[in-house]
């Protein structure tokens, strides 16, 4: 997917103070780093969400950590890192 060819919609929460944007950036950097670390350790992409949940990765860093939501996010980030999309 390329936003150069397909315009992106601005939805509620996508514009805000730079502080919010910075926090979101740090959040996604943390998640991407942990998924990449699991991949580098040889964990199968199909198993990464369960692996990270079982290990409690980021549980103490995310207020309101929700296992089900994090599984979905870990899966999306894993797919992104595998496919580049």
N, C-alpha and C. Protein backbone atom coordinates (compact mmCIF):
# COMPACT_ATOMS: atom_id res chain seq x y z
N UNK A 1 0.85 -1.17 0.00
CA UNK A 1 0.00 0.00 0.00
C UNK A 1 0.90 1.23 0.00
N UNK A 2 0.58 2.18 -0.82
CA UNK A 2 1.33 3.42 -0.89
C UNK A 2 0.38 4.59 -0.76
N UNK A 3 0.66 5.45 0.20
CA UNK A 3 -0.19 6.62 0.39
C UNK A 3 0.07 7.67 -0.69
N UNK A 4 1.14 7.46 -1.45
CA UNK A 4 1.39 8.37 -2.57
C UNK A 4 0.37 8.11 -3.67
N UNK A 5 -0.05 6.85 -3.80
CA UNK A 5 -1.01 6.47 -4.84
C UNK A 5 -2.43 6.41 -4.33
N UNK A 6 -2.59 6.11 -3.03
CA UNK A 6 -3.91 6.00 -2.41
C UNK A 6 -3.98 6.97 -1.25
N UNK A 7 -4.76 8.02 -1.37
CA UNK A 7 -4.83 9.00 -0.29
C UNK A 7 -5.25 8.38 1.04
N UNK A 8 -4.75 8.96 2.11
CA UNK A 8 -5.06 8.48 3.45
C UNK A 8 -6.13 9.37 4.05
N UNK A 9 -7.12 8.75 4.69
CA UNK A 9 -8.15 9.50 5.40
C UNK A 9 -7.65 9.89 6.77
N UNK A 10 -7.96 11.09 7.20
CA UNK A 10 -7.68 11.49 8.57
C UNK A 10 -8.89 11.14 9.40
N UNK A 11 -8.69 10.30 10.39
CA UNK A 11 -9.77 9.89 11.27
C UNK A 11 -9.54 10.49 12.64
N UNK A 12 -10.57 10.45 13.47
CA UNK A 12 -10.46 11.00 14.81
C UNK A 12 -9.24 10.42 15.51
N UNK A 13 -8.46 11.27 16.12
CA UNK A 13 -7.28 10.84 16.85
C UNK A 13 -6.01 10.84 16.03
N UNK A 14 -6.10 11.16 14.74
CA UNK A 14 -4.88 11.14 13.92
C UNK A 14 -4.18 12.49 13.90
N UNK A 15 -4.85 13.50 14.37
CA UNK A 15 -4.20 14.80 14.49
C UNK A 15 -4.28 15.22 15.94
N UNK A 16 -3.24 15.81 16.40
CA UNK A 16 -3.22 16.22 17.80
C UNK A 16 -1.90 16.88 18.13
N UNK A 17 -1.69 17.08 19.39
CA UNK A 17 -0.45 17.73 19.81
C UNK A 17 0.74 16.85 19.48
N UNK A 18 1.89 17.46 19.36
CA UNK A 18 3.09 16.69 19.07
C UNK A 18 3.42 15.74 20.21
N UNK A 19 2.99 16.03 21.40
CA UNK A 19 3.22 15.14 22.54
C UNK A 19 2.51 13.81 22.31
N UNK A 20 1.28 13.87 21.85
CA UNK A 20 0.51 12.65 21.59
C UNK A 20 1.16 11.86 20.46
N UNK A 21 1.57 12.55 19.42
CA UNK A 21 2.21 11.89 18.29
C UNK A 21 3.51 11.22 18.75
N UNK A 22 4.27 11.90 19.58
CA UNK A 22 5.51 11.34 20.11
C UNK A 22 5.24 10.09 20.94
N UNK A 23 4.20 10.10 21.76
CA UNK A 23 3.85 8.94 22.57
C UNK A 23 3.45 7.76 21.68
N UNK A 24 2.66 8.04 20.66
CA UNK A 24 2.24 6.97 19.75
C UNK A 24 3.45 6.38 19.03
N UNK A 25 4.35 7.25 18.61
CA UNK A 25 5.56 6.80 17.93
C UNK A 25 6.37 5.88 18.84
N UNK A 26 6.56 6.27 20.09
CA UNK A 26 7.32 5.45 21.02
C UNK A 26 6.63 4.11 21.26
N UNK A 27 5.32 4.13 21.37
CA UNK A 27 4.55 2.90 21.56
C UNK A 27 4.80 1.94 20.40
N UNK A 28 4.64 2.42 19.18
CA UNK A 28 4.81 1.55 18.02
C UNK A 28 6.26 1.11 17.87
N UNK A 29 7.21 1.96 18.20
CA UNK A 29 8.62 1.57 18.15
C UNK A 29 8.89 0.41 19.12
N UNK A 30 8.31 0.49 20.32
CA UNK A 30 8.47 -0.59 21.30
C UNK A 30 7.89 -1.90 20.77
N UNK A 31 6.68 -1.84 20.25
CA UNK A 31 6.01 -3.05 19.75
C UNK A 31 6.81 -3.63 18.58
N UNK A 32 7.20 -2.81 17.64
CA UNK A 32 7.97 -3.28 16.49
C UNK A 32 9.28 -3.90 16.94
N UNK A 33 9.97 -3.28 17.88
CA UNK A 33 11.24 -3.80 18.38
C UNK A 33 11.06 -5.20 18.98
N UNK A 34 10.01 -5.39 19.77
CA UNK A 34 9.80 -6.69 20.41
C UNK A 34 9.42 -7.77 19.41
N UNK A 35 8.61 -7.42 18.43
CA UNK A 35 8.25 -8.39 17.39
C UNK A 35 9.50 -8.75 16.58
N UNK A 36 10.29 -7.75 16.24
CA UNK A 36 11.52 -8.00 15.48
C UNK A 36 12.49 -8.86 16.28
N UNK A 37 12.59 -8.61 17.57
CA UNK A 37 13.46 -9.40 18.43
C UNK A 37 13.03 -10.88 18.42
N UNK A 38 11.73 -11.12 18.51
CA UNK A 38 11.22 -12.50 18.46
C UNK A 38 11.55 -13.15 17.12
N UNK A 39 11.39 -12.41 16.05
CA UNK A 39 11.71 -12.94 14.73
C UNK A 39 13.20 -13.27 14.64
N UNK A 40 14.04 -12.39 15.16
CA UNK A 40 15.49 -12.61 15.14
C UNK A 40 15.90 -13.82 15.97
N UNK A 41 15.11 -14.15 16.99
CA UNK A 41 15.38 -15.31 17.83
C UNK A 41 14.87 -16.60 17.19
N UNK A 42 14.25 -16.48 16.03
CA UNK A 42 13.81 -17.66 15.30
C UNK A 42 12.40 -18.12 15.61
N UNK A 43 11.64 -17.30 16.31
CA UNK A 43 10.24 -17.65 16.59
C UNK A 43 9.47 -17.57 15.27
N UNK A 44 8.69 -18.60 14.98
CA UNK A 44 7.89 -18.61 13.76
C UNK A 44 6.90 -17.45 13.78
N UNK A 45 6.75 -16.74 12.67
CA UNK A 45 5.80 -15.62 12.65
C UNK A 45 4.40 -15.98 13.13
N UNK A 46 3.96 -17.21 12.83
CA UNK A 46 2.63 -17.64 13.27
C UNK A 46 2.52 -17.71 14.79
N UNK A 47 3.65 -17.90 15.47
CA UNK A 47 3.64 -18.08 16.92
C UNK A 47 4.00 -16.82 17.70
N UNK A 48 4.40 -15.78 17.01
CA UNK A 48 4.89 -14.58 17.70
C UNK A 48 3.86 -13.97 18.64
N UNK A 49 2.61 -13.76 18.25
CA UNK A 49 1.66 -13.15 19.20
C UNK A 49 1.54 -13.94 20.51
N UNK A 50 1.35 -15.24 20.41
CA UNK A 50 1.22 -16.07 21.62
C UNK A 50 2.52 -16.07 22.42
N UNK A 51 3.63 -16.13 21.73
CA UNK A 51 4.95 -16.13 22.38
C UNK A 51 5.14 -14.86 23.21
N UNK A 52 4.83 -13.71 22.61
CA UNK A 52 5.02 -12.44 23.32
C UNK A 52 4.05 -12.29 24.48
N UNK A 53 2.82 -12.74 24.30
CA UNK A 53 1.83 -12.69 25.39
C UNK A 53 2.28 -13.59 26.53
N UNK A 54 2.70 -14.81 26.20
CA UNK A 54 3.12 -15.78 27.22
C UNK A 54 4.32 -15.26 28.02
N UNK A 55 5.24 -14.57 27.33
CA UNK A 55 6.42 -14.02 28.01
C UNK A 55 6.11 -12.73 28.77
N UNK A 56 4.92 -12.18 28.57
CA UNK A 56 4.55 -10.94 29.25
C UNK A 56 5.25 -9.71 28.72
N UNK A 57 5.66 -9.78 27.46
CA UNK A 57 6.38 -8.67 26.84
C UNK A 57 5.51 -7.43 26.81
N UNK A 58 6.03 -6.34 27.30
CA UNK A 58 5.41 -5.00 27.35
C UNK A 58 4.25 -4.90 28.33
N UNK A 59 3.91 -5.97 29.03
CA UNK A 59 2.80 -5.95 29.99
C UNK A 59 2.99 -4.84 31.03
N UNK A 60 4.22 -4.67 31.50
CA UNK A 60 4.48 -3.68 32.54
C UNK A 60 4.72 -2.28 31.99
N UNK A 61 4.78 -2.15 30.67
CA UNK A 61 5.04 -0.85 30.06
C UNK A 61 3.79 -0.20 29.48
N UNK A 62 2.71 -0.99 29.33
CA UNK A 62 1.49 -0.47 28.71
C UNK A 62 0.37 -0.45 29.75
N UNK A 63 -0.11 0.74 30.03
CA UNK A 63 -1.22 0.89 30.97
C UNK A 63 -2.47 0.33 30.29
N UNK A 64 -3.19 -0.52 31.01
CA UNK A 64 -4.40 -1.11 30.44
C UNK A 64 -4.10 -2.20 29.43
N UNK A 65 -2.96 -2.87 29.59
CA UNK A 65 -2.57 -3.95 28.69
C UNK A 65 -3.72 -4.94 28.56
N UNK A 66 -4.12 -5.25 27.34
CA UNK A 66 -5.22 -6.17 27.06
C UNK A 66 -4.67 -7.26 26.14
N UNK A 67 -4.63 -8.49 26.64
CA UNK A 67 -4.03 -9.58 25.88
C UNK A 67 -4.63 -9.75 24.49
N UNK A 68 -5.94 -9.71 24.39
CA UNK A 68 -6.59 -9.92 23.10
C UNK A 68 -6.24 -8.82 22.11
N UNK A 69 -6.25 -7.59 22.57
CA UNK A 69 -5.90 -6.48 21.67
C UNK A 69 -4.43 -6.54 21.28
N UNK A 70 -3.57 -6.93 22.22
CA UNK A 70 -2.15 -7.01 21.92
C UNK A 70 -1.87 -8.17 20.96
N UNK A 71 -2.60 -9.26 21.05
CA UNK A 71 -2.43 -10.36 20.09
C UNK A 71 -2.70 -9.86 18.68
N UNK A 72 -3.77 -9.09 18.54
CA UNK A 72 -4.11 -8.55 17.22
C UNK A 72 -3.00 -7.61 16.74
N UNK A 73 -2.54 -6.75 17.62
CA UNK A 73 -1.48 -5.81 17.24
C UNK A 73 -0.19 -6.54 16.91
N UNK A 74 0.20 -7.51 17.74
CA UNK A 74 1.41 -8.28 17.45
C UNK A 74 1.29 -8.99 16.11
N UNK A 75 0.11 -9.52 15.81
CA UNK A 75 -0.10 -10.19 14.51
C UNK A 75 0.04 -9.18 13.37
N UNK A 76 -0.54 -8.02 13.51
CA UNK A 76 -0.45 -7.00 12.45
C UNK A 76 0.98 -6.54 12.23
N UNK A 77 1.71 -6.31 13.32
CA UNK A 77 3.09 -5.87 13.20
C UNK A 77 3.95 -6.99 12.61
N UNK A 78 3.71 -8.23 13.03
CA UNK A 78 4.44 -9.36 12.45
C UNK A 78 4.21 -9.44 10.95
N UNK A 79 2.96 -9.35 10.54
CA UNK A 79 2.63 -9.40 9.10
C UNK A 79 3.30 -8.25 8.36
N UNK A 80 3.31 -7.09 8.97
CA UNK A 80 3.96 -5.93 8.34
C UNK A 80 5.45 -6.20 8.15
N UNK A 81 6.10 -6.72 9.19
CA UNK A 81 7.54 -6.97 9.08
C UNK A 81 7.86 -8.10 8.09
N UNK A 82 6.98 -9.06 7.97
CA UNK A 82 7.20 -10.17 7.04
C UNK A 82 6.97 -9.72 5.60
N UNK A 83 5.88 -8.97 5.37
CA UNK A 83 5.50 -8.62 3.99
C UNK A 83 5.94 -7.22 3.56
N UNK A 84 6.18 -6.34 4.52
CA UNK A 84 6.51 -4.96 4.17
C UNK A 84 5.28 -4.13 3.87
N UNK A 85 4.11 -4.70 4.10
CA UNK A 85 2.86 -3.98 3.84
C UNK A 85 1.96 -4.02 5.05
